[in-house]
Protein backbone atom coordinates (compact mmCIF):
# COMPACT_ATOMS: atom_id res chain seq x y z
CA MET A 1 13.15 49.07 40.12
CA ALA A 2 16.14 47.04 41.35
CA ALA A 3 16.35 43.33 40.47
CA ASN A 4 15.61 40.89 43.26
CA PRO A 5 19.02 39.41 44.26
CA GLU A 6 17.31 36.42 45.89
CA LEU A 7 15.66 35.15 42.69
CA ARG A 8 16.20 31.39 42.63
CA MET A 9 16.48 29.15 39.57
CA ASP A 10 13.28 27.30 40.42
CA GLN A 11 11.44 30.62 40.16
CA LEU A 12 12.23 30.87 36.46
CA PRO A 13 9.41 30.27 33.96
CA SER A 14 8.68 26.62 33.20
CA ASP A 15 9.91 26.54 29.61
CA PRO A 16 13.57 27.47 30.28
CA LEU A 17 13.60 25.26 33.35
CA LEU A 18 12.33 22.28 31.39
CA HIS A 19 14.93 22.99 28.73
CA VAL A 20 17.69 22.87 31.38
CA LEU A 21 16.26 19.68 32.88
CA SER A 22 16.23 18.00 29.45
CA PHE A 23 20.03 17.84 29.56
CA LEU A 24 20.05 15.81 32.78
CA GLY A 25 20.26 12.10 33.22
CA PHE A 26 17.65 10.19 35.18
CA ARG A 27 19.69 10.19 38.39
CA ASP A 28 20.13 13.98 38.29
CA LEU A 29 16.43 14.43 37.60
CA ILE A 30 15.64 12.41 40.70
CA HIS A 31 18.03 14.57 42.72
CA CYS A 32 16.36 17.72 41.38
CA SER A 33 12.98 16.41 42.47
CA HIS A 34 14.13 16.68 46.11
CA VAL A 35 15.16 20.34 45.86
CA SER A 36 11.73 21.97 45.89
CA ARG A 37 8.09 21.22 45.22
CA ARG A 38 8.16 23.05 41.91
CA LEU A 39 11.23 21.17 40.66
CA ASN A 40 9.62 17.98 41.89
CA ASP A 41 6.63 18.64 39.66
CA LEU A 42 8.73 19.70 36.66
CA SER A 43 11.16 16.78 36.95
CA LYS A 44 8.26 14.39 36.30
CA HIS A 45 7.33 16.15 33.06
CA ASN A 46 6.37 13.44 30.58
CA PRO A 47 8.57 14.55 27.62
CA LEU A 48 11.68 14.36 29.86
CA TRP A 49 11.04 10.71 30.71
CA ARG A 50 9.91 9.87 27.21
CA SER A 51 13.42 10.73 26.03
CA LEU A 52 15.01 8.70 28.84
CA CYS A 53 12.74 5.70 28.18
CA SER A 54 13.76 5.78 24.54
CA LYS A 55 17.47 6.11 25.39
CA HIS A 56 17.74 3.42 28.06
CA TRP A 57 14.89 0.99 27.29
CA LEU A 58 14.23 1.69 23.56
CA LEU A 59 10.54 2.23 24.34
CA THR A 60 8.15 3.83 21.84
CA ASP A 61 4.85 5.71 22.09
CA ALA A 62 3.06 2.45 21.35
CA ASP A 63 4.78 0.82 24.35
CA ARG A 64 3.63 3.61 26.63
CA LEU A 65 0.06 3.50 25.37
CA GLN A 66 -0.02 -0.23 25.89
CA SER A 67 1.30 0.15 29.43
CA GLY A 68 -1.39 2.68 30.38
CA VAL A 69 0.99 4.64 32.66
CA SER A 70 3.04 7.82 32.36
CA TRP A 71 6.54 7.86 30.95
CA PHE A 72 7.91 8.48 34.43
CA CYS A 73 6.11 5.44 35.84
CA LEU A 74 7.11 3.35 32.84
CA PHE A 75 10.77 4.23 33.39
CA GLN A 76 10.44 3.24 37.05
CA ARG A 77 8.86 -0.08 36.09
CA TYR A 78 11.69 -1.00 33.70
CA TYR A 79 14.36 0.22 36.09
CA ARG A 80 13.05 -1.96 38.91
CA ASP A 81 13.16 -4.97 36.58
CA LEU A 82 16.29 -4.32 34.49
CA GLY A 83 18.18 -1.57 36.29
CA ARG A 84 21.19 -3.77 37.03
CA TYR A 85 21.70 -4.17 33.26
CA LEU A 86 21.55 -0.47 32.37
CA GLN A 87 25.11 -0.61 31.04
CA TYR A 88 24.30 -3.34 28.51
CA TYR A 89 20.56 -3.33 27.87
CA PRO A 90 20.25 -0.63 25.14
CA ALA A 91 23.02 -2.09 22.96
CA LEU A 92 21.91 -5.72 23.44
CA LYS A 93 18.23 -4.93 22.91
CA ARG A 94 19.08 -2.97 19.77
CA ALA A 95 21.22 -5.85 18.50
CA TRP A 96 18.40 -8.35 19.08
CA ASP A 97 15.86 -6.05 17.40
CA GLN A 98 18.09 -5.49 14.37
CA LEU A 99 18.73 -9.20 14.10
CA LYS A 100 15.02 -10.07 14.18
CA VAL A 101 14.19 -7.50 11.51
CA PHE A 102 16.98 -8.91 9.34
CA LEU A 103 16.00 -12.53 9.92
CA GLN A 104 12.36 -11.79 9.17
CA LEU A 105 13.44 -10.80 5.67
CA ARG A 106 16.18 -13.37 5.09
CA CYS A 107 15.78 -16.36 7.46
CA PRO A 108 12.25 -16.26 8.93
CA ARG A 109 12.45 -19.80 10.34
CA MET A 110 15.05 -18.63 12.83
CA ILE A 111 12.57 -16.17 14.37
CA ALA A 112 10.36 -19.06 15.45
CA SER A 113 13.31 -20.72 17.20
CA LEU A 114 13.96 -17.83 19.60
CA LYS A 115 12.76 -18.32 23.15
CA GLU A 116 11.14 -15.69 25.33
CA GLY A 117 13.45 -14.07 27.85
CA ALA A 118 14.37 -15.80 31.09
CA THR A 119 13.29 -14.28 34.41
CA GLU A 120 15.57 -13.02 37.15
CA ALA A 121 14.48 -15.92 39.34
CA GLU A 122 15.37 -18.46 36.63
CA LEU A 123 18.83 -16.96 36.15
CA ASN A 124 19.38 -16.90 39.91
CA ASP A 125 18.41 -20.58 40.07
CA ILE A 126 20.94 -21.39 37.34
CA GLU A 127 23.67 -19.60 39.30
CA ALA A 128 22.80 -21.63 42.38
CA GLN A 129 22.80 -24.84 40.30
CA ILE A 130 26.27 -24.36 38.80
CA GLY A 131 27.79 -22.54 41.77
CA CYS A 132 29.12 -19.67 39.63
CA ARG A 133 28.02 -16.12 38.96
CA LEU A 134 26.77 -15.37 35.44
CA PRO A 135 28.12 -12.10 34.01
CA ASP A 136 25.60 -9.25 33.75
CA ASP A 137 25.95 -8.92 29.96
CA TYR A 138 25.07 -12.62 29.55
CA ARG A 139 22.15 -12.31 31.98
CA CYS A 140 20.91 -9.18 30.19
CA SER A 141 20.88 -10.86 26.77
CA TYR A 142 19.09 -13.89 28.18
CA ARG A 143 16.48 -11.65 29.78
CA ILE A 144 15.67 -10.51 26.23
CA HIS A 145 15.83 -13.95 24.56
CA ASN A 146 16.70 -17.17 26.35
CA GLY A 147 18.64 -18.66 23.44
CA GLN A 148 16.91 -20.96 20.96
CA LYS A 149 14.33 -23.68 21.30
CA LEU A 150 15.86 -27.08 20.76
CA VAL A 151 12.81 -28.39 18.90
CA ILE A 152 10.71 -26.38 16.44
CA PRO A 153 7.09 -27.50 15.95
CA GLY A 154 6.68 -29.15 12.57
CA SER A 155 10.40 -29.80 12.11
CA VAL A 156 11.60 -33.11 10.75
CA PRO A 157 12.67 -35.40 13.62
CA TRP A 158 16.18 -36.77 13.76
CA ARG A 159 16.15 -40.54 13.27
CA ARG A 160 19.68 -41.62 14.11
CA PRO A 161 20.38 -43.00 17.59
CA PRO A 162 20.70 -39.93 19.83
CA PRO A 163 23.89 -39.19 21.77
CA ALA A 164 24.07 -39.36 25.53
CA ASP A 165 22.77 -35.85 26.03
CA ARG A 166 19.31 -35.93 24.43
CA ARG A 167 18.75 -32.22 24.94
CA LEU A 168 21.62 -31.40 22.61
CA SER A 169 20.66 -34.06 20.08
CA ALA A 170 17.48 -32.15 19.33
CA CYS A 171 19.53 -29.23 18.02
CA LEU A 172 19.65 -30.83 14.57
CA SER A 173 16.10 -29.69 13.81
CA VAL A 174 16.72 -26.08 14.87
CA PRO A 175 17.74 -23.25 12.48
CA ARG A 176 21.19 -22.36 13.78
CA LEU A 177 21.41 -18.76 14.87
CA MET A 178 25.16 -18.63 15.51
CA GLY A 179 26.30 -19.37 11.99
CA SER A 180 27.27 -22.26 9.75
CA MET A 181 30.28 -23.45 7.81
CA SER A 182 30.56 -26.05 5.09
CA LEU A 183 33.42 -27.51 3.10
CA SER A 184 31.06 -28.39 0.29
CA ASN A 185 29.77 -25.55 -1.84
CA PRO A 186 26.42 -24.44 -0.37
CA SER A 187 25.21 -22.77 -3.56
CA VAL A 188 26.85 -24.81 -6.32
CA CYS A 189 26.92 -28.61 -6.19
CA LEU A 190 30.45 -29.91 -6.12
CA PRO A 191 31.56 -33.29 -7.46
CA ALA A 192 31.33 -36.14 -4.97
CA CYS A 193 34.97 -36.95 -5.69
CA LEU A 194 36.26 -33.71 -4.14
CA SER A 195 39.70 -34.87 -3.08
CA VAL A 196 40.14 -33.55 0.45
CA PRO A 197 42.05 -35.73 2.93
CA ARG A 198 39.92 -37.68 5.40
CA LEU A 199 41.03 -36.30 8.75
CA MET A 200 37.92 -37.11 10.77
CA GLY A 201 37.61 -40.88 10.63
CA SER A 202 34.99 -41.95 8.13
CA MET A 203 33.66 -38.44 7.50
CA SER A 204 34.63 -36.98 4.15
CA LEU A 205 35.71 -33.37 4.51
CA SER A 206 33.89 -32.55 1.29
CA ASN A 207 30.71 -33.13 3.30
CA HIS A 208 31.93 -31.58 6.53
CA TYR A 209 29.34 -29.24 8.01
CA ARG A 210 29.16 -27.13 11.15
CA SER A 211 26.15 -25.14 12.32
CA GLU A 212 25.84 -23.78 15.84
CA VAL A 213 22.68 -23.21 17.87
CA LEU A 214 22.59 -20.59 20.64
CA LEU A 215 21.91 -22.65 23.75
CA ASP A 216 19.19 -21.66 26.20
CA VAL A 217 20.49 -21.13 29.72
CA GLU A 218 18.96 -24.34 31.12
CA THR A 219 20.65 -26.53 28.50
CA ALA A 220 23.90 -24.58 28.88
CA ALA A 221 23.83 -25.22 32.63
CA GLY A 222 23.48 -28.94 31.92
CA GLY A 223 26.74 -28.75 29.95
CA PHE A 224 28.61 -26.70 32.58
CA GLN A 225 32.13 -28.13 32.89
CA GLN A 226 33.92 -29.13 36.07
CA ARG A 227 36.29 -31.64 34.47
CA LYS A 228 40.01 -31.07 34.56
CA GLY A 229 41.14 -28.79 31.77
CA MET A 230 37.70 -27.18 31.32
CA ARG A 231 36.79 -26.21 34.86
CA ARG A 232 34.03 -23.63 35.35
CA CYS A 233 33.27 -23.20 31.64
CA LEU A 234 29.72 -22.70 30.34
CA PRO A 235 28.81 -23.68 26.76
CA LEU A 236 27.36 -20.85 24.67
CA THR A 237 26.70 -22.76 21.44
CA PHE A 238 26.45 -26.34 20.23
CA CYS A 239 26.76 -28.05 16.85
CA PHE A 240 25.16 -31.48 16.54
CA HIS A 241 27.23 -32.43 13.50
CA THR A 242 30.65 -31.87 15.06
CA GLY A 243 29.94 -31.83 18.81
CA LEU A 244 31.65 -28.43 18.83
CA SER A 245 30.79 -25.75 21.39
CA GLN A 246 31.98 -22.26 22.11
CA TYR A 247 32.49 -21.82 25.85
CA MET A 248 32.62 -18.90 28.25
CA ALA A 249 34.97 -19.04 31.26
CA LEU A 250 33.01 -18.10 34.39
CA GLN A 251 36.10 -18.00 36.58
CA PRO A 252 39.80 -17.38 35.82
CA ALA A 253 40.83 -21.03 36.18
CA GLU A 254 43.41 -23.11 34.28
CA GLY A 255 44.96 -20.23 32.37
CA ARG A 256 41.67 -18.69 31.19
CA ARG A 257 40.56 -15.12 31.73
CA VAL A 258 37.18 -14.61 33.29
CA TYR A 259 34.25 -14.26 30.86
CA GLU A 260 36.27 -14.71 27.67
CA SER A 261 34.75 -17.00 25.04
CA PHE A 262 36.68 -19.67 23.17
CA TYR A 263 36.71 -22.93 21.24
CA PRO A 264 38.52 -25.64 23.23
CA CYS A 265 41.30 -27.40 21.35
CA PRO A 266 42.80 -30.56 22.90
CA ASP A 267 46.57 -30.77 22.79
CA GLN A 268 47.14 -33.83 20.61
CA THR A 269 50.81 -34.04 21.56
CA ALA A 270 50.26 -34.17 25.33
CA GLN A 271 49.91 -37.39 27.29
CA ASP A 272 47.42 -35.71 29.61
CA PRO A 273 44.00 -35.55 27.84
CA SER A 274 43.01 -32.57 29.97
CA ALA A 275 45.64 -30.34 28.31
CA ILE A 276 43.41 -27.88 26.47
CA ASP A 277 44.47 -25.06 24.17
CA MET A 278 41.99 -22.30 23.29
CA PHE A 279 41.00 -20.46 20.10
CA ILE A 280 39.68 -17.23 21.60
CA THR A 281 36.54 -15.69 20.07
CA GLY A 282 35.82 -12.79 22.46
CA SER A 283 36.90 -11.10 25.67
CA SER A 284 33.33 -10.93 27.00
CA PHE A 285 29.85 -12.13 26.12
CA PHE A 286 28.90 -8.58 25.09
CA GLU A 287 31.79 -8.31 22.63
CA TRP A 288 31.27 -11.85 21.33
CA PHE A 289 27.53 -11.46 20.74
CA THR A 290 27.27 -7.88 19.44
CA GLU A 291 30.18 -8.32 17.02
CA TYR A 292 28.55 -11.42 15.58
CA ILE A 293 25.16 -9.70 15.20
CA HIS A 294 26.83 -6.70 13.54
CA ASN A 295 28.47 -9.00 10.98
CA VAL A 296 25.11 -10.63 10.26
CA VAL A 297 22.93 -7.52 9.86
CA THR A 298 25.53 -5.57 7.86
CA GLY A 299 25.88 -8.41 5.35
CA GLU A 300 29.45 -9.27 6.35
CA TYR A 301 28.32 -12.89 6.70
CA PRO A 302 26.50 -14.18 3.61
CA ILE A 303 23.05 -15.78 3.84
CA ILE A 304 22.85 -18.93 1.74
CA ARG A 305 19.69 -21.03 1.66
CA ASP A 306 18.37 -19.60 4.94
CA GLN A 307 21.65 -20.23 6.74
CA ILE A 308 24.17 -17.71 8.06
CA PHE A 309 27.66 -18.59 6.84
CA ARG A 310 30.61 -17.23 8.77
CA TYR A 311 32.79 -16.28 5.81
CA VAL A 312 34.63 -12.98 6.20
CA HIS A 313 35.07 -10.81 3.14
CA ASP A 314 37.71 -8.10 3.00
CA LYS A 315 36.16 -5.41 0.79
CA SER A 316 39.57 -4.69 -0.73
CA CYS A 317 39.93 -8.34 -1.75
CA VAL A 318 38.46 -7.85 -5.23
CA GLU A 319 40.30 -7.90 -8.54
CA THR A 320 38.94 -7.12 -12.01
CA THR A 321 40.64 -8.27 -15.18
CA GLY A 322 38.87 -7.10 -18.30
CA ASP A 323 35.23 -8.18 -17.95
CA ILE A 324 35.81 -10.67 -15.12
CA THR A 325 35.85 -9.84 -11.41
CA VAL A 326 37.15 -12.22 -8.73
CA SER A 327 36.41 -11.75 -5.01
CA VAL A 328 37.34 -13.96 -2.05
CA SER A 329 36.03 -14.54 1.47
CA THR A 330 37.62 -16.80 4.08
CA SER A 331 36.88 -18.63 7.30
CA PHE A 332 38.88 -20.44 9.98
CA LEU A 333 37.66 -23.89 11.09
CA PRO A 334 38.59 -24.53 14.74
CA GLU A 335 37.10 -28.03 14.74
CA LEU A 336 39.67 -29.18 12.17
CA SER A 337 42.60 -27.22 13.63
CA SER A 338 45.02 -27.68 16.47
CA VAL A 339 47.74 -25.67 18.18
CA HIS A 340 49.78 -28.76 19.05
CA PRO A 341 50.67 -30.04 16.55
CA PRO A 342 50.43 -26.75 14.60
CA HIS A 343 47.67 -27.39 12.09
CA PHE A 344 45.46 -24.48 11.02
CA PHE A 345 42.54 -25.25 8.73
CA PHE A 346 40.89 -22.60 6.53
CA THR A 347 38.14 -22.63 3.98
CA TYR A 348 37.66 -19.96 1.34
CA ARG A 349 34.86 -19.05 -1.02
CA ILE A 350 35.60 -17.55 -4.43
CA ARG A 351 33.14 -15.65 -6.61
CA ILE A 352 33.92 -15.26 -10.32
CA GLU A 353 31.62 -12.90 -12.20
CA MET A 354 31.54 -11.71 -15.82
CA SER A 355 30.12 -8.25 -16.36
CA SER A 356 26.62 -8.19 -17.82
CA SER A 357 27.81 -5.46 -20.21
CA ALA A 358 30.46 -7.75 -21.75
CA SER A 359 30.01 -8.72 -25.40
CA PRO A 360 28.95 -12.30 -26.24
CA GLU A 361 32.30 -12.73 -27.99
CA ALA A 362 33.99 -12.30 -24.59
CA SER A 363 32.54 -15.62 -23.36
CA CYS A 364 35.28 -17.90 -22.08
CA GLN A 365 36.04 -21.08 -20.16
CA LEU A 366 38.35 -21.60 -17.20
CA ASP A 367 41.19 -24.02 -17.94
CA SER A 368 43.51 -23.96 -14.92
CA ARG A 369 44.48 -22.23 -11.70
CA TYR A 370 47.80 -21.04 -10.30
CA TRP A 371 48.46 -20.22 -6.63
CA ARG A 372 51.36 -18.56 -4.86
CA ILE A 373 51.14 -19.28 -1.12
CA THR A 374 53.20 -17.43 1.50
CA THR A 375 53.19 -18.48 5.15
CA SER A 376 54.06 -16.27 8.12
CA ASP A 377 57.50 -17.86 8.43
CA GLY A 378 58.34 -16.66 4.89
CA THR A 379 57.94 -20.02 3.13
CA VAL A 380 56.63 -19.66 -0.43
CA GLU A 381 54.95 -22.46 -2.35
CA GLU A 382 53.53 -22.49 -5.88
CA VAL A 383 50.65 -24.77 -6.88
CA GLN A 384 48.91 -25.17 -10.21
CA GLY A 385 46.38 -27.55 -11.64
CA PRO A 386 43.46 -27.99 -14.03
CA GLY A 387 40.07 -26.36 -13.32
CA VAL A 388 38.71 -25.47 -9.90
CA VAL A 389 37.54 -28.28 -7.58
CA GLY A 390 37.14 -30.52 -10.62
CA GLU A 391 35.10 -28.04 -12.69
CA PHE A 392 35.83 -25.94 -15.78
CA PRO A 393 33.17 -23.21 -15.60
CA VAL A 394 32.06 -21.37 -18.71
CA MET A 395 31.65 -17.61 -18.20
CA THR A 396 29.16 -15.64 -20.26
CA PRO A 397 27.93 -12.04 -19.81
CA GLY A 398 26.26 -11.72 -16.40
CA LYS A 399 27.29 -15.24 -15.32
CA VAL A 400 28.42 -15.85 -11.72
CA HIS A 401 30.32 -18.94 -10.62
CA GLU A 402 31.06 -19.56 -6.94
CA TYR A 403 32.92 -22.39 -5.30
CA ALA A 404 34.37 -23.29 -1.92
CA SER A 405 37.69 -24.94 -1.22
CA CYS A 406 40.02 -25.39 1.74
CA THR A 407 43.64 -25.45 2.75
CA THR A 408 45.78 -26.11 5.81
CA PHE A 409 48.94 -24.49 7.13
CA SER A 410 51.42 -25.07 9.92
CA THR A 411 51.60 -21.35 10.67
CA PRO A 412 48.71 -19.28 12.06
CA THR A 413 48.79 -16.59 9.35
CA GLU A 414 49.37 -16.78 5.62
CA PHE A 415 48.18 -15.33 2.34
CA MET A 416 47.42 -16.63 -1.14
CA GLU A 417 47.24 -15.01 -4.54
CA GLY A 418 47.37 -16.19 -8.12
CA HIS A 419 45.48 -16.31 -11.39
CA TYR A 420 43.11 -18.36 -13.52
CA THR A 421 43.84 -19.24 -17.13
CA PHE A 422 40.91 -18.88 -19.55
CA HIS A 423 40.39 -19.36 -23.27
CA ARG A 424 37.79 -17.64 -25.48
CA LEU A 425 34.96 -19.82 -26.74
CA VAL A 426 35.04 -18.21 -30.18
CA ASN A 427 38.80 -18.68 -30.45
CA LYS A 428 40.43 -21.36 -28.30
CA GLU A 429 43.83 -20.03 -29.25
CA GLU A 430 43.13 -16.82 -27.37
CA VAL A 431 44.33 -17.60 -23.85
CA PHE A 432 44.52 -15.04 -21.04
CA HIS A 433 45.00 -14.77 -17.27
CA VAL A 434 42.49 -13.44 -14.71
CA ALA A 435 44.07 -12.23 -11.48
CA ILE A 436 43.02 -13.64 -8.10
CA PRO A 437 43.44 -10.93 -5.43
CA ARG A 438 45.70 -11.56 -2.48
CA PHE A 439 43.70 -12.79 0.49
CA HIS A 440 44.89 -13.37 4.02
CA MET A 441 43.92 -16.25 6.29
CA ILE A 442 44.45 -15.44 9.94
CA CYS A 443 43.93 -17.82 12.82
CA PRO A 444 42.12 -16.21 15.79
CA PRO A 445 44.27 -15.54 18.88
CA PHE A 446 45.00 -18.72 20.78
CA ARG A 447 46.25 -19.51 24.23
CA GLU A 448 47.93 -22.68 25.40
CA PRO A 449 48.42 -24.17 28.88
CA LEU A 450 51.43 -22.32 30.22
CA LEU A 451 52.82 -25.39 31.97
CA ARG A 452 54.32 -26.55 28.69
CA THR A 453 56.12 -23.33 27.86
CA GLN A 454 57.22 -22.75 31.44
CA LYS A 455 58.66 -26.25 31.73
CA ALA A 456 60.55 -25.72 28.50
CA ALA A 457 62.02 -22.52 29.91
CA GLY A 458 62.83 -24.13 33.25
CA TYR A 459 60.55 -21.89 35.27
CA ALA A 460 60.03 -22.60 38.96
CA ALA A 461 57.00 -24.62 40.03
CA SER A 462 55.98 -21.87 42.42
CA ARG A 463 54.61 -19.85 39.51
CA PHE A 464 51.77 -22.30 38.92
CA ASP A 465 48.22 -21.69 40.04
CA ASP A 466 47.80 -23.65 43.29
CA ASP A 467 44.02 -23.69 42.89
CA ASP A 468 44.40 -25.81 39.79
CA GLY A 469 46.59 -28.51 41.25
CA GLY A 470 49.77 -26.99 39.82
CA GLU A 471 48.82 -27.82 36.25
CA PHE A 472 48.02 -24.45 34.69
CA CYS A 473 48.99 -20.85 35.26
CA ASP A 474 47.06 -17.62 34.69
CA GLY A 475 49.18 -15.43 32.45
CA ASP A 476 48.90 -11.69 33.00
CA GLY A 477 51.09 -10.52 30.14
CA GLY A 478 51.06 -10.80 26.38
CA ASP A 479 53.09 -14.01 26.26
CA ASP A 480 50.05 -16.25 26.54
CA PHE A 481 49.03 -15.42 22.96
CA ASN A 482 51.39 -17.54 20.93
CA MET A 483 51.22 -16.24 17.37
CA ALA A 484 54.75 -17.24 16.44
CA ALA A 485 55.28 -19.28 13.33
CA MET A 486 55.53 -23.00 14.04
CA GLU A 487 57.25 -25.37 11.66
CA GLY A 488 57.51 -29.04 10.89
CA ALA A 489 53.90 -30.23 11.07
CA TRP A 490 52.45 -32.49 8.43
CA CYS A 491 50.06 -30.29 6.55
CA PRO A 492 47.68 -31.88 3.98
CA ARG A 493 46.39 -29.37 1.50
CA HIS A 494 43.62 -29.06 -1.04
CA ILE A 495 43.77 -25.91 -3.13
């Protein structure tokens, strides 16, 4: 019997048809549902939409059972609510879920500080309030969690006189989700006489502390900037101790690129106080947020006393000499740095560990340190001195000693290396060196108002952005990232 030449695909048995349909995305499945009644029925097959719900909305069987509807209806429900964020939702939701699992184990207090997600109506109201469109990746993240609560029930109230913005003053009692940094050692008490220059008025740098809360969208809108030099910038974070915020540019004004995140850095050499340089932390909210979460959940950032510390550790930056291993992690401090004058402030954390398999006779004490410092302009400096930050740690089998210190440079990149000098406890005459691995300190990319560089080059005034009163220019090339070595700045140092 001859085969029927008019046999159509939708006349095939259900199993191979469903297998073919399983390779389609949700839009193609919807298109198939309009071809014929049979394909309409098969395209709503529950296992097909279960896979799509898991892929796009990270939904589980428990979520479907709780909803009381089919997978197809559940997908429709989420798409109506979050469909505009389909590009970002899976990655952002996964990042939030991974972070909460991690924090539950390591920093459970931070879980209580997270707010429920904002609604579409609330985000629309914020856009109307500030007169700027919020990017979809930012809106998507804030639909999942609307930043952090500014006051946690049961937290200790802050008793100093509050600053002008009382909403931000409450941040002191909140576990800071967006990381901390300290110039005192967070795990080992350092001497009170730590001799770091006082660059911030009466605040001793040995007690300098930064810890940033992720602002909820309502508080962020209250800090939306329209002042000259910071026009149309929305704060993402806030630190009560330093007053520091990371900002996101909502429009490409005053030399900024739309949606990039940055730390503002006033130009201390300019007569105009609105001249603002930028230390750039991300090209978009999505990049900024997901990269940070990745560093947290993978252990790149250490957790110390329920706080996330933004030290970066290069896994190759480890050196073992005999029974002693030295590793280094570093961090850049934008709040103590400036582009003009060139002053780049870094802190580093060193871990010295003696192997637990070492013999008791290997016990030793640190006597001195030696550093060889090379800046990006080729300048080499050697520094040596007794102990480390005023201490002379004794190392025994299994012992770990950690300390934090800081240094400043007039160039945006540099590296340090050196060695410690030890003596054996059983024989003080036996002196030996322990190598400190080379570690690099790299300032994040920065951008400066182009008016300064264009004036120096004698560029025509017509190149300036008219919308900004002729003060700044939007650069479209690579010249706006000034990573050249800069010389001649006074550069206090504590090593």
